[in-house]
Amino acid sequence: MTAMNWFALIGFKLSWFALVLFQNLLLFPVLLFVCWSLWRANQAERLAWLGLAATGIALDSVLQYFGVLSFSGAGWLPLWMLALWLVFSLVVVQVFSAYLQNYWLAALIAAVSGPMAYLGGAALSGHMYVSSTTEAYAALAVCWACYGVLSGWSRKFYA
């Protein structure tokens, strides 16, 4: 296993807080970080990033359609949420996927941490809402478990 990419991990955490707390106000610096990181990545990593970002955006779109997620004043995912998927998928490729090679562990970690990130983001942002039904939590856990397995599996294409 390679050394931890601390720059990518810290950049993601700063981006997460910037987007969740300030939404579109700090969109530009986050996108600059994403562009710079992609410029440094190889072609295979860029393709994996694009696939994971598209999957995450599609996942949230479906969750929003079914009422699991909602955003105030937005008919579709707001720009800051799209940017969040871009930066999250980047850190998945550059950091997290190395730790998600055991698919059962990947599913478990993602099934717990994904919904927790949504709940934390909803509590901090004031513009994102997560349905509080048992079905919504189950849907989030299942979707994120699948995303975690996909993230670990995607590593074989670029590592």
N, C-alpha and C. Protein backbone atom coordinates (compact mmCIF):
# COMPACT_ATOMS: atom_id res chain seq x y z
N MET A 1 0.85 -1.17 0.00
CA MET A 1 0.00 0.00 0.00
C MET A 1 0.90 1.24 0.00
N THR A 2 0.49 2.25 -0.73
CA THR A 2 1.28 3.46 -0.82
C THR A 2 1.05 4.36 0.38
N ALA A 3 1.88 5.39 0.48
CA ALA A 3 1.76 6.33 1.60
C ALA A 3 0.45 7.11 1.50
N MET A 4 -0.03 7.52 2.64
CA MET A 4 -1.28 8.30 2.71
C MET A 4 -1.10 9.63 1.97
N ASN A 5 -2.05 9.98 1.14
CA ASN A 5 -2.05 11.26 0.44
C ASN A 5 -2.75 12.28 1.35
N TRP A 6 -1.98 12.83 2.28
CA TRP A 6 -2.54 13.76 3.27
C TRP A 6 -3.08 15.03 2.62
N PHE A 7 -2.44 15.49 1.56
CA PHE A 7 -2.89 16.71 0.90
C PHE A 7 -4.31 16.53 0.35
N ALA A 8 -4.56 15.39 -0.28
CA ALA A 8 -5.90 15.11 -0.82
C ALA A 8 -6.93 14.97 0.29
N LEU A 9 -6.54 14.29 1.37
CA LEU A 9 -7.47 14.08 2.49
C LEU A 9 -7.82 15.39 3.18
N ILE A 10 -6.83 16.20 3.47
CA ILE A 10 -7.08 17.50 4.13
C ILE A 10 -7.83 18.42 3.18
N GLY A 11 -7.47 18.41 1.90
CA GLY A 11 -8.18 19.22 0.92
C GLY A 11 -9.65 18.84 0.84
N PHE A 12 -9.93 17.54 0.90
CA PHE A 12 -11.32 17.10 0.88
C PHE A 12 -12.07 17.60 2.11
N LYS A 13 -11.48 17.41 3.30
CA LYS A 13 -12.17 17.82 4.53
C LYS A 13 -12.45 19.33 4.53
N LEU A 14 -11.46 20.12 4.11
CA LEU A 14 -11.68 21.58 4.03
C LEU A 14 -12.76 21.90 3.01
N SER A 15 -12.74 21.20 1.88
CA SER A 15 -13.76 21.42 0.85
C SER A 15 -15.14 21.04 1.36
N TRP A 16 -15.23 19.91 2.07
CA TRP A 16 -16.52 19.46 2.60
C TRP A 16 -17.12 20.53 3.51
N PHE A 17 -16.31 21.01 4.46
CA PHE A 17 -16.82 22.03 5.37
C PHE A 17 -17.14 23.32 4.63
N ALA A 18 -16.31 23.72 3.68
CA ALA A 18 -16.56 24.95 2.91
C ALA A 18 -17.88 24.85 2.16
N LEU A 19 -18.13 23.73 1.50
CA LEU A 19 -19.36 23.59 0.72
C LEU A 19 -20.59 23.42 1.59
N VAL A 20 -20.47 22.65 2.65
CA VAL A 20 -21.63 22.43 3.52
C VAL A 20 -22.00 23.70 4.28
N LEU A 21 -21.01 24.41 4.78
CA LEU A 21 -21.30 25.61 5.58
C LEU A 21 -21.62 26.84 4.73
N PHE A 22 -20.96 26.97 3.58
CA PHE A 22 -21.11 28.20 2.80
C PHE A 22 -21.68 27.97 1.41
N GLN A 23 -22.03 26.75 1.08
CA GLN A 23 -22.59 26.34 -0.20
C GLN A 23 -21.85 26.98 -1.38
N ASN A 24 -22.53 27.76 -2.20
CA ASN A 24 -21.94 28.29 -3.43
C ASN A 24 -20.91 29.40 -3.21
N LEU A 25 -20.85 29.97 -2.02
CA LEU A 25 -19.91 31.07 -1.77
C LEU A 25 -18.45 30.63 -1.93
N LEU A 26 -18.14 29.40 -1.59
CA LEU A 26 -16.76 28.92 -1.70
C LEU A 26 -16.61 27.85 -2.79
N LEU A 27 -17.50 27.90 -3.75
CA LEU A 27 -17.47 26.95 -4.86
C LEU A 27 -16.20 27.09 -5.70
N PHE A 28 -15.79 28.29 -5.99
CA PHE A 28 -14.64 28.52 -6.86
C PHE A 28 -13.34 27.94 -6.28
N PRO A 29 -12.99 28.21 -5.01
CA PRO A 29 -11.75 27.61 -4.48
C PRO A 29 -11.79 26.08 -4.47
N VAL A 30 -12.95 25.51 -4.21
CA VAL A 30 -13.06 24.05 -4.21
C VAL A 30 -12.84 23.51 -5.62
N LEU A 31 -13.43 24.16 -6.61
CA LEU A 31 -13.24 23.71 -7.99
C LEU A 31 -11.79 23.89 -8.44
N LEU A 32 -11.13 24.92 -7.95
CA LEU A 32 -9.70 25.07 -8.25
C LEU A 32 -8.90 23.90 -7.67
N PHE A 33 -9.23 23.50 -6.45
CA PHE A 33 -8.57 22.36 -5.83
C PHE A 33 -8.81 21.09 -6.65
N VAL A 34 -10.04 20.88 -7.10
CA VAL A 34 -10.36 19.70 -7.91
C VAL A 34 -9.58 19.72 -9.22
N CYS A 35 -9.57 20.87 -9.91
CA CYS A 35 -8.86 20.97 -11.18
C CYS A 35 -7.36 20.73 -11.00
N TRP A 36 -6.79 21.31 -9.96
CA TRP A 36 -5.36 21.12 -9.70
C TRP A 36 -5.06 19.65 -9.41
N SER A 37 -5.91 19.01 -8.62
CA SER A 37 -5.70 17.61 -8.28
C SER A 37 -5.84 16.71 -9.51
N LEU A 38 -6.80 17.04 -10.37
CA LEU A 38 -6.98 16.25 -11.58
C LEU A 38 -5.82 16.45 -12.56
N TRP A 39 -5.28 17.62 -12.58
CA TRP A 39 -4.14 17.92 -13.43
C TRP A 39 -2.95 17.03 -13.03
N ARG A 40 -2.82 16.76 -11.74
CA ARG A 40 -1.72 15.93 -11.23
C ARG A 40 -2.00 14.43 -11.38
N ALA A 41 -3.25 14.05 -11.61
CA ALA A 41 -3.62 12.63 -11.71
C ALA A 41 -3.30 12.08 -13.10
N ASN A 42 -3.17 10.76 -13.17
CA ASN A 42 -2.98 10.15 -14.49
C ASN A 42 -4.34 9.89 -15.14
N GLN A 43 -4.30 9.48 -16.40
CA GLN A 43 -5.53 9.30 -17.18
C GLN A 43 -6.47 8.27 -16.56
N ALA A 44 -5.93 7.17 -16.08
CA ALA A 44 -6.77 6.13 -15.48
C ALA A 44 -7.46 6.63 -14.22
N GLU A 45 -6.75 7.40 -13.40
CA GLU A 45 -7.36 7.97 -12.19
C GLU A 45 -8.46 8.96 -12.56
N ARG A 46 -8.24 9.74 -13.60
CA ARG A 46 -9.27 10.70 -14.04
C ARG A 46 -10.54 9.98 -14.50
N LEU A 47 -10.37 8.89 -15.22
CA LEU A 47 -11.54 8.13 -15.67
C LEU A 47 -12.29 7.50 -14.49
N ALA A 48 -11.56 6.96 -13.53
CA ALA A 48 -12.20 6.41 -12.33
C ALA A 48 -12.92 7.50 -11.56
N TRP A 49 -12.27 8.67 -11.43
CA TRP A 49 -12.89 9.80 -10.74
C TRP A 49 -14.19 10.20 -11.43
N LEU A 50 -14.16 10.31 -12.76
CA LEU A 50 -15.35 10.71 -13.50
C LEU A 50 -16.48 9.70 -13.32
N GLY A 51 -16.14 8.42 -13.38
CA GLY A 51 -17.16 7.39 -13.18
C GLY A 51 -17.76 7.41 -11.79
N LEU A 52 -16.92 7.58 -10.76
CA LEU A 52 -17.43 7.62 -9.38
C LEU A 52 -18.22 8.89 -9.12
N ALA A 53 -17.79 10.01 -9.69
CA ALA A 53 -18.53 11.26 -9.52
C ALA A 53 -19.90 11.16 -10.19
N ALA A 54 -19.94 10.64 -11.40
CA ALA A 54 -21.21 10.48 -12.12
C ALA A 54 -22.15 9.54 -11.37
N THR A 55 -21.59 8.46 -10.83
CA THR A 55 -22.40 7.51 -10.06
C THR A 55 -22.97 8.19 -8.81
N GLY A 56 -22.14 8.95 -8.11
CA GLY A 56 -22.61 9.64 -6.90
C GLY A 56 -23.68 10.67 -7.20
N ILE A 57 -23.51 11.42 -8.27
CA ILE A 57 -24.51 12.42 -8.66
C ILE A 57 -25.82 11.74 -9.05
N ALA A 58 -25.72 10.64 -9.78
CA ALA A 58 -26.93 9.88 -10.14
C ALA A 58 -27.60 9.32 -8.89
N LEU A 59 -26.79 8.81 -7.97
CA LEU A 59 -27.32 8.27 -6.71
C LEU A 59 -28.09 9.34 -5.94
N ASP A 60 -27.50 10.50 -5.77
CA ASP A 60 -28.19 11.58 -5.05
C ASP A 60 -29.42 12.07 -5.80
N SER A 61 -29.37 12.06 -7.12
CA SER A 61 -30.54 12.47 -7.90
C SER A 61 -31.71 11.52 -7.67
N VAL A 62 -31.42 10.23 -7.63
CA VAL A 62 -32.47 9.24 -7.37
C VAL A 62 -32.98 9.39 -5.94
N LEU A 63 -32.07 9.57 -4.99
CA LEU A 63 -32.49 9.75 -3.59
C LEU A 63 -33.35 11.01 -3.43
N GLN A 64 -33.01 12.06 -4.16
CA GLN A 64 -33.82 13.27 -4.10
C GLN A 64 -35.19 13.04 -4.74
N TYR A 65 -35.22 12.35 -5.85
CA TYR A 65 -36.47 12.07 -6.54
C TYR A 65 -37.44 11.32 -5.64
N PHE A 66 -36.91 10.38 -4.87
CA PHE A 66 -37.76 9.58 -3.98
C PHE A 66 -37.97 10.21 -2.60
N GLY A 67 -37.48 11.42 -2.40
CA GLY A 67 -37.74 12.15 -1.16
C GLY A 67 -36.85 11.80 0.01
N VAL A 68 -35.82 11.02 -0.22
CA VAL A 68 -34.89 10.70 0.87
C VAL A 68 -34.07 11.94 1.21
N LEU A 69 -33.67 12.68 0.17
CA LEU A 69 -32.93 13.94 0.34
C LEU A 69 -33.75 15.06 -0.27
N SER A 70 -33.59 16.25 0.28
CA SER A 70 -34.18 17.44 -0.34
C SER A 70 -33.30 18.64 -0.03
N PHE A 71 -33.38 19.62 -0.91
CA PHE A 71 -32.57 20.82 -0.78
C PHE A 71 -33.49 22.02 -0.93
N SER A 72 -33.37 22.98 -0.02
CA SER A 72 -34.24 24.15 -0.08
C SER A 72 -33.94 24.97 -1.33
N GLY A 73 -34.99 25.34 -2.04
CA GLY A 73 -34.86 26.19 -3.20
C GLY A 73 -34.20 25.54 -4.40
N ALA A 74 -34.20 24.22 -4.48
CA ALA A 74 -33.55 23.55 -5.61
C ALA A 74 -34.46 22.45 -6.16
N GLY A 75 -34.67 22.48 -7.47
CA GLY A 75 -35.43 21.43 -8.12
C GLY A 75 -34.58 20.20 -8.36
N TRP A 76 -33.29 20.40 -8.50
CA TRP A 76 -32.33 19.31 -8.66
C TRP A 76 -31.20 19.56 -7.69
N LEU A 77 -30.17 18.79 -7.73
CA LEU A 77 -29.05 18.98 -6.81
C LEU A 77 -28.43 20.37 -7.01
N PRO A 78 -28.20 21.09 -5.94
CA PRO A 78 -27.56 22.41 -6.07
C PRO A 78 -26.09 22.29 -6.50
N LEU A 79 -25.54 23.36 -7.01
CA LEU A 79 -24.16 23.37 -7.50
C LEU A 79 -23.17 22.91 -6.43
N TRP A 80 -23.38 23.35 -5.19
CA TRP A 80 -22.43 22.99 -4.15
C TRP A 80 -22.43 21.48 -3.90
N MET A 81 -23.58 20.83 -4.09
CA MET A 81 -23.64 19.37 -3.90
C MET A 81 -22.94 18.65 -5.06
N LEU A 82 -23.08 19.17 -6.26
CA LEU A 82 -22.37 18.60 -7.40
C LEU A 82 -20.86 18.72 -7.19
N ALA A 83 -20.43 19.89 -6.71
CA ALA A 83 -19.00 20.09 -6.43
C ALA A 83 -18.53 19.17 -5.31
N LEU A 84 -19.39 18.92 -4.34
CA LEU A 84 -19.04 18.01 -3.26
C LEU A 84 -18.81 16.60 -3.78
N TRP A 85 -19.62 16.17 -4.73
CA TRP A 85 -19.39 14.87 -5.34
C TRP A 85 -18.10 14.84 -6.13
N LEU A 86 -17.76 15.93 -6.80
CA LEU A 86 -16.50 15.98 -7.54
C LEU A 86 -15.30 15.83 -6.61
N VAL A 87 -15.33 16.56 -5.50
CA VAL A 87 -14.19 16.50 -4.58
C VAL A 87 -14.19 15.19 -3.78
N PHE A 88 -15.35 14.67 -3.46
CA PHE A 88 -15.40 13.39 -2.74
C PHE A 88 -14.89 12.26 -3.62
N SER A 89 -15.31 12.22 -4.86
CA SER A 89 -14.85 11.16 -5.77
C SER A 89 -13.36 11.22 -5.98
N LEU A 90 -12.83 12.42 -5.96
CA LEU A 90 -11.39 12.60 -6.09
C LEU A 90 -10.65 11.97 -4.91
N VAL A 91 -11.13 12.21 -3.71
CA VAL A 91 -10.46 11.64 -2.53
C VAL A 91 -10.71 10.13 -2.43
N VAL A 92 -11.80 9.66 -2.98
CA VAL A 92 -12.02 8.21 -3.03
C VAL A 92 -10.92 7.56 -3.87
N VAL A 93 -10.66 8.15 -5.03
CA VAL A 93 -9.63 7.60 -5.93
C VAL A 93 -8.24 7.74 -5.31
N GLN A 94 -7.95 8.88 -4.73
CA GLN A 94 -6.60 9.16 -4.27
C GLN A 94 -6.29 8.63 -2.87
N VAL A 95 -7.30 8.34 -2.08
CA VAL A 95 -7.05 7.90 -0.70
C VAL A 95 -7.89 6.68 -0.31
N PHE A 96 -9.20 6.82 -0.30
CA PHE A 96 -10.07 5.82 0.32
C PHE A 96 -10.08 4.46 -0.36
N SER A 97 -10.00 4.42 -1.69
CA SER A 97 -10.15 3.14 -2.38
C SER A 97 -9.08 2.14 -1.97
N ALA A 98 -7.93 2.60 -1.56
CA ALA A 98 -6.86 1.69 -1.12
C ALA A 98 -7.28 0.91 0.12
N TYR A 99 -8.19 1.45 0.90
CA TYR A 99 -8.64 0.81 2.13
C TYR A 99 -9.94 0.04 1.95
N LEU A 100 -10.48 0.03 0.72
CA LEU A 100 -11.77 -0.59 0.47
C LEU A 100 -11.65 -1.85 -0.39
N GLN A 101 -10.52 -2.52 -0.32
CA GLN A 101 -10.29 -3.71 -1.14
C GLN A 101 -11.06 -4.92 -0.65
N ASN A 102 -11.33 -5.02 0.64
CA ASN A 102 -12.18 -6.07 1.18
C ASN A 102 -13.62 -5.58 1.02
N TYR A 103 -14.38 -6.22 0.13
CA TYR A 103 -15.70 -5.69 -0.23
C TYR A 103 -16.71 -5.68 0.92
N TRP A 104 -16.62 -6.67 1.81
CA TRP A 104 -17.54 -6.66 2.96
C TRP A 104 -17.22 -5.49 3.89
N LEU A 105 -15.95 -5.26 4.10
CA LEU A 105 -15.55 -4.13 4.94
C LEU A 105 -15.90 -2.81 4.27
N ALA A 106 -15.70 -2.73 2.96
CA ALA A 106 -16.06 -1.52 2.21
C ALA A 106 -17.55 -1.23 2.33
N ALA A 107 -18.37 -2.26 2.19
CA ALA A 107 -19.82 -2.09 2.30
C ALA A 107 -20.21 -1.62 3.70
N LEU A 108 -19.61 -2.22 4.71
CA LEU A 108 -19.92 -1.85 6.09
C LEU A 108 -19.50 -0.42 6.40
N ILE A 109 -18.27 -0.08 6.05
CA ILE A 109 -17.77 1.28 6.31
C ILE A 109 -18.63 2.32 5.60
N ALA A 110 -18.92 2.09 4.32
CA ALA A 110 -19.71 3.05 3.55
C ALA A 110 -21.16 3.12 4.03
N ALA A 111 -21.73 1.97 4.41
CA ALA A 111 -23.13 1.95 4.87
C ALA A 111 -23.31 2.76 6.15
N VAL A 112 -22.26 2.86 6.95
CA VAL A 112 -22.33 3.65 8.19
C VAL A 112 -21.90 5.09 7.95
N SER A 113 -20.76 5.28 7.30
CA SER A 113 -20.21 6.64 7.17
C SER A 113 -20.96 7.50 6.17
N GLY A 114 -21.48 6.92 5.10
CA GLY A 114 -22.22 7.71 4.11
C GLY A 114 -23.44 8.41 4.70
N PRO A 115 -24.37 7.64 5.30
CA PRO A 115 -25.53 8.29 5.92
C PRO A 115 -25.15 9.28 7.02
N MET A 116 -24.08 8.97 7.77
CA MET A 116 -23.65 9.91 8.82
C MET A 116 -23.19 11.23 8.20
N ALA A 117 -22.52 11.17 7.05
CA ALA A 117 -22.08 12.39 6.38
C ALA A 117 -23.28 13.22 5.92
N TYR A 118 -24.33 12.56 5.44
CA TYR A 118 -25.55 13.28 5.04
C TYR A 118 -26.21 13.94 6.25
N LEU A 119 -26.29 13.20 7.34
CA LEU A 119 -26.92 13.77 8.54
C LEU A 119 -26.11 14.94 9.08
N GLY A 120 -24.79 14.80 9.10
CA GLY A 120 -23.93 15.90 9.54
C GLY A 120 -24.05 17.09 8.61
N GLY A 121 -24.05 16.84 7.32
CA GLY A 121 -24.20 17.92 6.35
C GLY A 121 -25.55 18.62 6.47
N ALA A 122 -26.59 17.85 6.69
CA ALA A 122 -27.93 18.44 6.85
C ALA A 122 -27.99 19.29 8.11
N ALA A 123 -27.38 18.83 9.18
CA ALA A 123 -27.39 19.59 10.44
C ALA A 123 -26.61 20.89 10.31
N LEU A 124 -25.52 20.88 9.55
CA LEU A 124 -24.68 22.08 9.43
C LEU A 124 -25.13 23.05 8.35
N SER A 125 -25.68 22.53 7.27
CA SER A 125 -25.95 23.41 6.12
C SER A 125 -27.21 24.25 6.27
N GLY A 126 -28.26 23.68 6.80
CA GLY A 126 -29.52 24.40 6.87
C GLY A 126 -30.25 24.45 5.54
N HIS A 127 -29.67 23.86 4.48
CA HIS A 127 -30.29 23.86 3.16
C HIS A 127 -30.50 22.46 2.62
N MET A 128 -30.08 21.48 3.38
CA MET A 128 -30.20 20.08 2.98
C MET A 128 -31.01 19.36 4.05
N TYR A 129 -31.89 18.48 3.61
CA TYR A 129 -32.74 17.76 4.54
C TYR A 129 -32.73 16.27 4.20
N VAL A 130 -32.67 15.45 5.24
CA VAL A 130 -32.71 14.00 5.08
C VAL A 130 -33.98 13.52 5.75
N SER A 131 -34.77 12.74 5.02
CA SER A 131 -35.99 12.18 5.58
C SER A 131 -35.64 11.35 6.82
N SER A 132 -36.45 11.46 7.83
CA SER A 132 -36.14 10.78 9.09
C SER A 132 -36.86 9.44 9.22
N THR A 133 -37.29 8.88 8.12
CA THR A 133 -37.97 7.58 8.18
C THR A 133 -36.96 6.43 8.19
N THR A 134 -37.38 5.32 8.70
CA THR A 134 -36.54 4.13 8.72
C THR A 134 -36.19 3.70 7.30
N GLU A 135 -37.16 3.83 6.38
CA GLU A 135 -36.92 3.44 4.99
C GLU A 135 -35.84 4.32 4.36
N ALA A 136 -35.84 5.60 4.70
CA ALA A 136 -34.84 6.52 4.15
C ALA A 136 -33.45 6.15 4.64
N TYR A 137 -33.32 5.85 5.92
CA TYR A 137 -32.02 5.44 6.46
C TYR A 137 -31.56 4.12 5.83
N ALA A 138 -32.49 3.21 5.65
CA ALA A 138 -32.15 1.93 5.02
C ALA A 138 -31.71 2.14 3.57
N ALA A 139 -32.41 3.02 2.85
CA ALA A 139 -32.04 3.32 1.46
C ALA A 139 -30.65 3.94 1.40
N LEU A 140 -30.37 4.87 2.29
CA LEU A 140 -29.04 5.49 2.32
C LEU A 140 -27.96 4.45 2.61
N ALA A 141 -28.21 3.58 3.57
CA ALA A 141 -27.22 2.57 3.93
C ALA A 141 -26.96 1.62 2.77
N VAL A 142 -28.01 1.16 2.10
CA VAL A 142 -27.84 0.24 0.98
C VAL A 142 -27.12 0.91 -0.19
N CYS A 143 -27.53 2.14 -0.52
CA CYS A 143 -26.89 2.88 -1.62
C CYS A 143 -25.41 3.10 -1.33
N TRP A 144 -25.12 3.49 -0.11
CA TRP A 144 -23.72 3.77 0.23
C TRP A 144 -22.90 2.49 0.33
N ALA A 145 -23.50 1.41 0.76
CA ALA A 145 -22.77 0.13 0.78
C ALA A 145 -22.36 -0.24 -0.65
N CYS A 146 -23.26 -0.08 -1.59
CA CYS A 146 -22.95 -0.36 -2.99
C CYS A 146 -21.89 0.59 -3.51
N TYR A 147 -21.97 1.86 -3.15
CA TYR A 147 -20.97 2.83 -3.59
C TYR A 147 -19.59 2.49 -3.01
N GLY A 148 -19.56 2.03 -1.78
CA GLY A 148 -18.29 1.64 -1.16
C GLY A 148 -17.64 0.47 -1.88
N VAL A 149 -18.44 -0.53 -2.23
CA VAL A 149 -17.92 -1.68 -2.97
C VAL A 149 -17.43 -1.24 -4.35
N LEU A 150 -18.21 -0.41 -5.02
CA LEU A 150 -17.80 0.11 -6.34
C LEU A 150 -16.50 0.89 -6.23
N SER A 151 -16.35 1.66 -5.18
CA SER A 151 -15.13 2.45 -4.98
C SER A 151 -13.91 1.55 -4.84
N GLY A 152 -14.02 0.51 -4.04
CA GLY A 152 -12.90 -0.42 -3.88
C GLY A 152 -12.62 -1.19 -5.16
N TRP A 153 -13.67 -1.62 -5.84
CA TRP A 153 -13.52 -2.37 -7.08
C TRP A 153 -12.88 -1.52 -8.18
N SER A 154 -13.20 -0.24 -8.22
CA SER A 154 -12.67 0.64 -9.28
C SER A 154 -11.16 0.77 -9.23
N ARG A 155 -10.58 0.51 -8.09
CA ARG A 155 -9.13 0.66 -7.91
C ARG A 155 -8.33 -0.24 -8.85
N LYS A 156 -8.90 -1.37 -9.23
CA LYS A 156 -8.15 -2.28 -10.09
C LYS A 156 -7.90 -1.70 -11.48
N PHE A 157 -8.57 -0.61 -11.84
CA PHE A 157 -8.40 0.01 -13.14
C PHE A 157 -7.31 1.08 -13.17
N TYR A 158 -6.87 1.53 -12.00
CA TYR A 158 -5.88 2.62 -12.00
C TYR A 158 -4.73 2.42 -11.04
N ALA A 159 -4.77 1.44 -10.18
CA ALA A 159 -3.67 1.26 -9.20
C ALA A 159 -2.67 0.24 -9.67
